[in-house]
Amino acid sequence: MFELVAKLAEILSSHWVRFLDGRRSGRDAEVAAHIVGVVLALQELCVRGERLLVLAEELAGDSPGPRTSAEFEGVLAEQVREVGALRLKLSDAKPLLATVDPLFYPELAPVVDQKSGLLTRWARQASLSAFSTTTLFFLPSREVASLVDKAGGGAELDRGPYAHAVAEGVRAVRARELRDLRTAAAKGTGIHAEIAAARAGLARTKDFCATLLRATETAVGPEAMTRLRRELLP
């Protein structure tokens, strides 16, 4: 999940920063508001993701308690809901994103497509098992990048071959998964390397978010940026 969010932030940053560096359309304010809203949502996913990793470390320790398990399940469920909300937000914004770049949404599609996108596939995995390492870490960075590249940049996602490639990737990960984090200590199985990779994904996401916010503030001005943030806060 951490690498999926990082890839999403990378694609957003690439298109949005290029757009701000060039000539802009008359819908700048609307697009800027949308992008800032997405960035704030990504930052919330990062905060929740870090909490999941802290709890995962506790669950994989010598004596995880029921409260830790309950909190982990609750935070994971909230993360699934918020990932779904972000995916819908981006899906509903296809016409708006096209004003930035016609290829903006098609490049996002491998991640956010409702039927075959990686975020949808991760949510399905989370519904099967809250405590498996596949749910927590899902696909590694190299696999995510490979799948997005294979999908190409066409106007529509070729769901059949792409869904098959995603299924194969998930199958390979599940073949070596730890089915329950809470059994890690008893089995002598460590997850430190996976947690380190997940934190690296979080760090990249935060960097992309910072770049997006700086570029947007430079384009619209500090006062307008403050107003956008204020309007988007719950």
C-alpha atoms as a PDB file:
ATOM      1  CA  MET A   1       0.000   0.000   0.000  1.00  0.00           C
ATOM      2  CA  PHE A   2       2.876   2.359   0.813  1.00  0.00           C
ATOM      3  CA  GLU A   3       4.427   1.990  -2.636  1.00  0.00           C
ATOM      4  CA  LEU A   4       1.050   2.506  -4.315  1.00  0.00           C
ATOM      5  CA  VAL A   5       0.555   5.834  -2.563  1.00  0.00           C
ATOM      6  CA  ALA A   6       4.122   6.867  -3.401  1.00  0.00           C
ATOM      7  CA  LYS A   7       3.566   6.045  -7.083  1.00  0.00           C
ATOM      8  CA  LEU A   8       0.321   7.999  -7.090  1.00  0.00           C
ATOM      9  CA  ALA A   9       2.090  11.023  -5.586  1.00  0.00           C
ATOM     10  CA  GLU A  10       4.902  10.686  -8.134  1.00  0.00           C
ATOM     11  CA  ILE A  11       2.498  10.780 -11.097  1.00  0.00           C
ATOM     12  CA  LEU A  12       0.590  13.728  -9.636  1.00  0.00           C
ATOM     13  CA  SER A  13       3.803  15.634  -9.017  1.00  0.00           C
ATOM     14  CA  SER A  14       5.124  15.005 -12.514  1.00  0.00           C
ATOM     15  CA  HIS A  15       2.052  16.325 -14.325  1.00  0.00           C
ATOM     16  CA  TRP A  16       1.138  19.134 -11.961  1.00  0.00           C
ATOM     17  CA  VAL A  17       4.619  20.668 -11.697  1.00  0.00           C
ATOM     18  CA  ARG A  18       5.031  20.549 -15.492  1.00  0.00           C
ATOM     19  CA  PHE A  19       1.652  22.230 -15.846  1.00  0.00           C
ATOM     20  CA  LEU A  20       2.595  25.035 -13.469  1.00  0.00           C
ATOM     21  CA  ASP A  21       5.876  25.565 -15.298  1.00  0.00           C
ATOM     22  CA  GLY A  22       4.091  26.103 -18.604  1.00  0.00           C
ATOM     23  CA  ARG A  23       1.064  27.980 -19.907  1.00  0.00           C
ATOM     24  CA  ARG A  24      -2.030  27.477 -17.801  1.00  0.00           C
ATOM     25  CA  SER A  25      -5.729  27.317 -18.568  1.00  0.00           C
ATOM     26  CA  GLY A  26      -8.523  29.482 -17.273  1.00  0.00           C
ATOM     27  CA  ARG A  27      -9.491  26.741 -14.807  1.00  0.00           C
ATOM     28  CA  ASP A  28      -6.290  27.114 -12.765  1.00  0.00           C
ATOM     29  CA  ALA A  29      -8.082  27.936  -9.509  1.00  0.00           C
ATOM     30  CA  GLU A  30     -10.386  24.919  -9.769  1.00  0.00           C
ATOM     31  CA  VAL A  31      -7.551  22.566 -10.672  1.00  0.00           C
ATOM     32  CA  ALA A  32      -5.344  23.981  -7.909  1.00  0.00           C
ATOM     33  CA  ALA A  33      -8.086  23.433  -5.332  1.00  0.00           C
ATOM     34  CA  HIS A  34      -8.486  19.843  -6.486  1.00  0.00           C
ATOM     35  CA  ILE A  35      -4.758  19.115  -6.393  1.00  0.00           C
ATOM     36  CA  VAL A  36      -4.327  20.665  -2.951  1.00  0.00           C
ATOM     37  CA  GLY A  37      -7.240  18.553  -1.713  1.00  0.00           C
ATOM     38  CA  VAL A  38      -5.583  15.421  -3.082  1.00  0.00           C
ATOM     39  CA  VAL A  39      -2.260  16.353  -1.486  1.00  0.00           C
ATOM     40  CA  LEU A  40      -3.893  16.871   1.910  1.00  0.00           C
ATOM     41  CA  ALA A  41      -5.544  13.448   1.552  1.00  0.00           C
ATOM     42  CA  LEU A  42      -2.188  11.882   0.698  1.00  0.00           C
ATOM     43  CA  GLN A  43      -0.632  13.467   3.771  1.00  0.00           C
ATOM     44  CA  GLU A  44      -3.365  11.966   5.934  1.00  0.00           C
ATOM     45  CA  LEU A  45      -2.683   8.557   4.388  1.00  0.00           C
ATOM     46  CA  CYS A  46       0.972   8.994   5.346  1.00  0.00           C
ATOM     47  CA  VAL A  47       0.120   9.805   8.962  1.00  0.00           C
ATOM     48  CA  ARG A  48      -2.155   6.782   9.189  1.00  0.00           C
ATOM     49  CA  GLY A  49       0.388   4.628   7.366  1.00  0.00           C
ATOM     50  CA  GLU A  50       3.092   5.469   9.881  1.00  0.00           C
ATOM     51  CA  ARG A  51       0.748   4.505  12.705  1.00  0.00           C
ATOM     52  CA  LEU A  52       0.091   1.166  10.991  1.00  0.00           C
ATOM     53  CA  LEU A  53       3.817   0.487  10.837  1.00  0.00           C
ATOM     54  CA  VAL A  54       4.295   1.302  14.515  1.00  0.00           C
ATOM     55  CA  LEU A  55       1.458  -1.055  15.406  1.00  0.00           C
ATOM     56  CA  ALA A  56       2.827  -3.709  13.049  1.00  0.00           C
ATOM     57  CA  GLU A  57       6.149  -3.602  14.890  1.00  0.00           C
ATOM     58  CA  GLU A  58       4.292  -4.168  18.143  1.00  0.00           C
ATOM     59  CA  LEU A  59       2.225  -7.005  16.670  1.00  0.00           C
ATOM     60  CA  ALA A  60       5.368  -8.716  15.402  1.00  0.00           C
ATOM     61  CA  GLY A  61       7.000  -8.402  18.826  1.00  0.00           C
ATOM     62  CA  ASP A  62       7.113 -10.876  21.690  1.00  0.00           C
ATOM     63  CA  SER A  63       3.785 -10.106  23.352  1.00  0.00           C
ATOM     64  CA  PRO A  64       1.265  -8.223  21.205  1.00  0.00           C
ATOM     65  CA  GLY A  65      -1.894  -7.444  23.156  1.00  0.00           C
ATOM     66  CA  PRO A  66      -5.536  -7.439  22.094  1.00  0.00           C
ATOM     67  CA  ARG A  67      -5.678  -3.643  22.237  1.00  0.00           C
ATOM     68  CA  THR A  68      -2.893  -3.393  19.680  1.00  0.00           C
ATOM     69  CA  SER A  69      -4.693  -5.843  17.403  1.00  0.00           C
ATOM     70  CA  ALA A  70      -7.957  -3.919  17.748  1.00  0.00           C
ATOM     71  CA  GLU A  71      -6.293  -0.581  17.030  1.00  0.00           C
ATOM     72  CA  PHE A  72      -4.469  -2.012  14.019  1.00  0.00           C
ATOM     73  CA  GLU A  73      -7.727  -3.310  12.560  1.00  0.00           C
ATOM     74  CA  GLY A  74      -9.428   0.036  13.177  1.00  0.00           C
ATOM     75  CA  VAL A  75      -6.647   2.101  11.592  1.00  0.00           C
ATOM     76  CA  LEU A  76      -6.468  -0.279   8.630  1.00  0.00           C
ATOM     77  CA  ALA A  77     -10.228  -0.051   8.076  1.00  0.00           C
ATOM     78  CA  GLU A  78     -10.022   3.744   8.115  1.00  0.00           C
ATOM     79  CA  GLN A  79      -7.111   3.634   5.678  1.00  0.00           C
ATOM     80  CA  VAL A  80      -9.123   1.458   3.301  1.00  0.00           C
ATOM     81  CA  ARG A  81     -12.049   3.913   3.436  1.00  0.00           C
ATOM     82  CA  GLU A  82      -9.846   6.936   2.830  1.00  0.00           C
ATOM     83  CA  VAL A  83      -7.939   5.265   0.002  1.00  0.00           C
ATOM     84  CA  GLY A  84     -11.302   4.510  -1.621  1.00  0.00           C
ATOM     85  CA  ALA A  85     -12.423   8.115  -1.174  1.00  0.00           C
ATOM     86  CA  LEU A  86      -9.219   9.404  -2.782  1.00  0.00           C
ATOM     87  CA  ARG A  87      -9.573   6.988  -5.682  1.00  0.00           C
ATOM     88  CA  LEU A  88     -13.117   8.207  -6.328  1.00  0.00           C
ATOM     89  CA  LYS A  89     -12.006  11.833  -6.063  1.00  0.00           C
ATOM     90  CA  LEU A  90      -9.450  11.297  -8.796  1.00  0.00           C
ATOM     91  CA  SER A  91     -11.796   9.221 -10.934  1.00  0.00           C
ATOM     92  CA  ASP A  92     -14.513  11.887 -10.783  1.00  0.00           C
ATOM     93  CA  ALA A  93     -11.986  14.548 -11.807  1.00  0.00           C
ATOM     94  CA  LYS A  94     -11.131  13.081 -15.235  1.00  0.00           C
ATOM     95  CA  PRO A  95     -12.378  16.133 -17.198  1.00  0.00           C
ATOM     96  CA  LEU A  96     -10.609  18.516 -14.842  1.00  0.00           C
ATOM     97  CA  LEU A  97      -7.327  16.613 -14.977  1.00  0.00           C
ATOM     98  CA  ALA A  98      -7.531  16.603 -18.778  1.00  0.00           C
ATOM     99  CA  THR A  99      -7.196  20.409 -18.702  1.00  0.00           C
ATOM    100  CA  VAL A 100      -3.768  19.903 -17.158  1.00  0.00           C
ATOM    101  CA  ASP A 101      -2.657  17.137 -19.531  1.00  0.00           C
ATOM    102  CA  PRO A 102      -4.761  14.702 -21.625  1.00  0.00           C
ATOM    103  CA  LEU A 103      -2.529  11.875 -20.379  1.00  0.00           C
ATOM    104  CA  PHE A 104      -2.884  12.801 -16.697  1.00  0.00           C
ATOM    105  CA  TYR A 105      -5.714  10.436 -15.800  1.00  0.00           C
ATOM    106  CA  PRO A 106      -4.653   7.634 -18.197  1.00  0.00           C
ATOM    107  CA  GLU A 107      -1.321   7.504 -16.370  1.00  0.00           C
ATOM    108  CA  LEU A 108      -3.144   7.404 -13.044  1.00  0.00           C
ATOM    109  CA  ALA A 109      -5.535   4.674 -14.226  1.00  0.00           C
ATOM    110  CA  PRO A 110      -3.276   1.684 -13.430  1.00  0.00           C
ATOM    111  CA  VAL A 111      -3.361   2.831  -9.821  1.00  0.00           C
ATOM    112  CA  VAL A 112      -6.886   4.260  -9.443  1.00  0.00           C
ATOM    113  CA  ASP A 113      -9.073   2.400 -11.963  1.00  0.00           C
ATOM    114  CA  GLN A 114     -12.237   1.244 -10.184  1.00  0.00           C
ATOM    115  CA  LYS A 115     -12.229  -2.309 -11.544  1.00  0.00           C
ATOM    116  CA  SER A 116      -8.590  -3.224 -12.071  1.00  0.00           C
ATOM    117  CA  GLY A 117      -6.478  -0.515 -10.445  1.00  0.00           C
ATOM    118  CA  LEU A 118      -3.890  -1.353  -7.817  1.00  0.00           C
ATOM    119  CA  LEU A 119      -5.691   0.555  -5.058  1.00  0.00           C
ATOM    120  CA  THR A 120      -8.860  -1.445  -5.713  1.00  0.00           C
ATOM    121  CA  ARG A 121      -6.873  -4.672  -5.668  1.00  0.00           C
ATOM    122  CA  TRP A 122      -5.250  -3.685  -2.385  1.00  0.00           C
ATOM    123  CA  ALA A 123      -8.642  -2.927  -0.820  1.00  0.00           C
ATOM    124  CA  ARG A 124      -9.844  -6.399  -1.829  1.00  0.00           C
ATOM    125  CA  GLN A 125      -6.753  -7.937  -0.259  1.00  0.00           C
ATOM    126  CA  ALA A 126      -7.371  -5.966   2.958  1.00  0.00           C
ATOM    127  CA  SER A 127     -10.900  -7.353   3.113  1.00  0.00           C
ATOM    128  CA  LEU A 128      -9.497 -10.899   3.056  1.00  0.00           C
ATOM    129  CA  SER A 129      -6.961 -10.529   5.850  1.00  0.00           C
ATOM    130  CA  ALA A 130      -6.204  -7.608   8.145  1.00  0.00           C
ATOM    131  CA  PHE A 131      -2.999  -9.040   9.573  1.00  0.00           C
ATOM    132  CA  SER A 132      -1.162 -10.563   6.605  1.00  0.00           C
ATOM    133  CA  THR A 133       2.042  -8.985   5.333  1.00  0.00           C
ATOM    134  CA  THR A 134       0.485  -8.865   1.861  1.00  0.00           C
ATOM    135  CA  THR A 135      -2.197  -6.529   3.179  1.00  0.00           C
ATOM    136  CA  LEU A 136       0.271  -4.324   5.032  1.00  0.00           C
ATOM    137  CA  PHE A 137       3.036  -4.093   2.428  1.00  0.00           C
ATOM    138  CA  PHE A 138       1.293  -5.353  -0.747  1.00  0.00           C
ATOM    139  CA  LEU A 139       3.632  -5.014  -3.750  1.00  0.00           C
ATOM    140  CA  PRO A 140       7.275  -3.850  -3.681  1.00  0.00           C
ATOM    141  CA  SER A 141       8.356  -0.668  -5.444  1.00  0.00           C
ATOM    142  CA  ARG A 142       9.880  -2.420  -8.447  1.00  0.00           C
ATOM    143  CA  GLU A 143       6.716  -4.464  -9.038  1.00  0.00           C
ATOM    144  CA  VAL A 144       4.482  -1.392  -8.812  1.00  0.00           C
ATOM    145  CA  ALA A 145       6.655   0.506 -11.304  1.00  0.00           C
ATOM    146  CA  SER A 146       6.686  -2.482 -13.662  1.00  0.00           C
ATOM    147  CA  LEU A 147       2.904  -2.872 -13.589  1.00  0.00           C
ATOM    148  CA  VAL A 148       2.306   0.834 -14.224  1.00  0.00           C
ATOM    149  CA  ASP A 149       4.765   0.747 -17.128  1.00  0.00           C
ATOM    150  CA  LYS A 150       3.123  -2.342 -18.605  1.00  0.00           C
ATOM    151  CA  ALA A 151      -0.272  -0.635 -18.523  1.00  0.00           C
ATOM    152  CA  GLY A 152       0.990   2.023 -20.918  1.00  0.00           C
ATOM    153  CA  GLY A 153      -0.430   5.497 -21.375  1.00  0.00           C
ATOM    154  CA  GLY A 154      -3.401   4.866 -23.606  1.00  0.00           C
ATOM    155  CA  ALA A 155      -6.782   6.547 -23.250  1.00  0.00           C
ATOM    156  CA  GLU A 156      -8.278   3.450 -21.657  1.00  0.00           C
ATOM    157  CA  LEU A 157      -6.750   0.821 -19.416  1.00  0.00           C
ATOM    158  CA  ASP A 158      -6.600  -2.570 -21.153  1.00  0.00           C
ATOM    159  CA  ARG A 159      -8.134  -4.297 -18.131  1.00  0.00           C
ATOM    160  CA  GLY A 160      -7.814  -7.923 -19.180  1.00  0.00           C
ATOM    161  CA  PRO A 161      -4.031  -8.232 -19.551  1.00  0.00           C
ATOM    162  CA  TYR A 162      -3.431  -5.700 -16.791  1.00  0.00           C
ATOM    163  CA  ALA A 163      -5.678  -7.472 -14.295  1.00  0.00           C
ATOM    164  CA  HIS A 164      -3.873 -10.721 -15.114  1.00  0.00           C
ATOM    165  CA  ALA A 165      -0.458  -9.107 -14.521  1.00  0.00           C
ATOM    166  CA  VAL A 166      -1.641  -7.676 -11.186  1.00  0.00           C
ATOM    167  CA  ALA A 167      -3.032 -11.062 -10.137  1.00  0.00           C
ATOM    168  CA  GLU A 168       0.293 -12.722 -10.940  1.00  0.00           C
ATOM    169  CA  GLY A 169       2.167 -10.117  -8.925  1.00  0.00           C
ATOM    170  CA  VAL A 170      -0.096 -10.526  -5.921  1.00  0.00           C
ATOM    171  CA  ARG A 171       0.097 -14.317  -6.185  1.00  0.00           C
ATOM    172  CA  ALA A 172       3.892 -14.164  -6.031  1.00  0.00           C
ATOM    173  CA  VAL A 173       3.790 -11.951  -2.942  1.00  0.00           C
ATOM    174  CA  ARG A 174       1.228 -14.126  -1.185  1.00  0.00           C
ATOM    175  CA  ALA A 175       3.348 -17.226  -1.810  1.00  0.00           C
ATOM    176  CA  ARG A 176       5.919 -15.868   0.636  1.00  0.00           C
ATOM    177  CA  GLU A 177       3.662 -13.857   2.942  1.00  0.00           C
ATOM    178  CA  LEU A 178       3.345 -14.089   6.695  1.00  0.00           C
ATOM    179  CA  ARG A 179      -0.354 -14.749   7.113  1.00  0.00           C
ATOM    180  CA  ASP A 180      -0.590 -13.186  10.568  1.00  0.00           C
ATOM    181  CA  LEU A 181       1.803 -10.543  11.874  1.00  0.00           C
ATOM    182  CA  ARG A 182       1.004 -11.642  15.406  1.00  0.00           C
ATOM    183  CA  THR A 183       2.807 -14.962  14.836  1.00  0.00           C
ATOM    184  CA  ALA A 184       6.057 -13.367  13.648  1.00  0.00           C
ATOM    185  CA  ALA A 185       7.936 -13.692  16.930  1.00  0.00           C
ATOM    186  CA  ALA A 186       6.849 -17.302  17.493  1.00  0.00           C
ATOM    187  CA  LYS A 187       7.922 -18.249  13.985  1.00  0.00           C
ATOM    188  CA  GLY A 188      11.155 -16.283  14.203  1.00  0.00           C
ATOM    189  CA  THR A 189      10.134 -14.240  11.180  1.00  0.00           C
ATOM    190  CA  GLY A 190      11.290 -10.624  10.996  1.00  0.00           C
ATOM    191  CA  ILE A 191       9.578  -7.851   9.049  1.00  0.00           C
ATOM    192  CA  HIS A 192      12.200  -5.156   9.629  1.00  0.00           C
ATOM    193  CA  ALA A 193      13.276  -4.961   5.980  1.00  0.00           C
ATOM    194  CA  GLU A 194       9.674  -4.617   4.803  1.00  0.00           C
ATOM    195  CA  ILE A 195       8.971  -1.913   7.371  1.00  0.00           C
ATOM    196  CA  ALA A 196      12.104  -0.021   6.317  1.00  0.00           C
ATOM    197  CA  ALA A 197      10.990  -0.173   2.677  1.00  0.00           C
ATOM    198  CA  ALA A 198       7.502   0.997   3.651  1.00  0.00           C
ATOM    199  CA  ARG A 199       8.933   3.958   5.556  1.00  0.00           C
ATOM    200  CA  ALA A 200      11.038   4.831   2.523  1.00  0.00           C
ATOM    201  CA  GLY A 201       7.815   4.842   0.478  1.00  0.00           C
ATOM    202  CA  LEU A 202       6.209   7.150   3.017  1.00  0.00           C
ATOM    203  CA  ALA A 203       9.220   9.469   2.860  1.00  0.00           C
ATOM    204  CA  ARG A 204       8.980   9.670  -0.937  1.00  0.00           C
ATOM    205  CA  THR A 205       5.269  10.427  -0.728  1.00  0.00           C
ATOM    206  CA  LYS A 206       5.901  13.226   1.754  1.00  0.00           C
ATOM    207  CA  ASP A 207       8.592  14.679  -0.513  1.00  0.00           C
ATOM    208  CA  PHE A 208       6.271  14.616  -3.531  1.00  0.00           C
ATOM    209  CA  CYS A 209       3.527  16.266  -1.468  1.00  0.00           C
ATOM    210  CA  ALA A 210       5.903  19.012  -0.349  1.00  0.00           C
ATOM    211  CA  THR A 211       6.932  19.619  -3.969  1.00  0.00           C
ATOM    212  CA  LEU A 212       3.302  19.814  -5.080  1.00  0.00           C
ATOM    213  CA  LEU A 213       2.379  22.277  -2.346  1.00  0.00           C
ATOM    214  CA  ARG A 214       5.417  24.494  -2.965  1.00  0.00           C
ATOM    215  CA  ALA A 215       4.769  24.598  -6.709  1.00  0.00           C
ATOM    216  CA  THR A 216       1.104  25.400  -6.173  1.00  0.00           C
ATOM    217  CA  GLU A 217       1.843  28.183  -3.686  1.00  0.00           C
ATOM    218  CA  THR A 218       4.374  29.683  -6.091  1.00  0.00           C
ATOM    219  CA  ALA A 219       1.747  29.684  -8.829  1.00  0.00           C
ATOM    220  CA  VAL A 220      -1.277  30.993  -6.913  1.00  0.00           C
ATOM    221  CA  GLY A 221       0.437  33.043  -4.202  1.00  0.00           C
ATOM    222  CA  PRO A 222       0.640  32.614  -0.402  1.00  0.00           C
ATOM    223  CA  GLU A 223      -2.725  34.252   0.341  1.00  0.00           C
ATOM    224  CA  ALA A 224      -4.631  32.128  -2.166  1.00  0.00           C
ATOM    225  CA  MET A 225      -2.832  29.034  -0.895  1.00  0.00           C
ATOM    226  CA  THR A 226      -3.821  29.794   2.687  1.00  0.00           C
ATOM    227  CA  ARG A 227      -7.413  30.252   1.561  1.00  0.00           C
ATOM    228  CA  LEU A 228      -7.369  26.934  -0.309  1.00  0.00           C
ATOM    229  CA  ARG A 229      -6.064  25.098   2.745  1.00  0.00           C
ATOM    230  CA  ARG A 230      -8.667  26.738   4.973  1.00  0.00           C
ATOM    231  CA  GLU A 231     -11.536  25.839   2.635  1.00  0.00           C
ATOM    232  CA  LEU A 232     -10.399  22.224   2.398  1.00  0.00           C
ATOM    233  CA  LEU A 233     -10.028  21.616   6.109  1.00  0.00           C
ATOM    234  CA  PRO A 234     -12.977  19.698   7.656  1.00  0.00           C
END
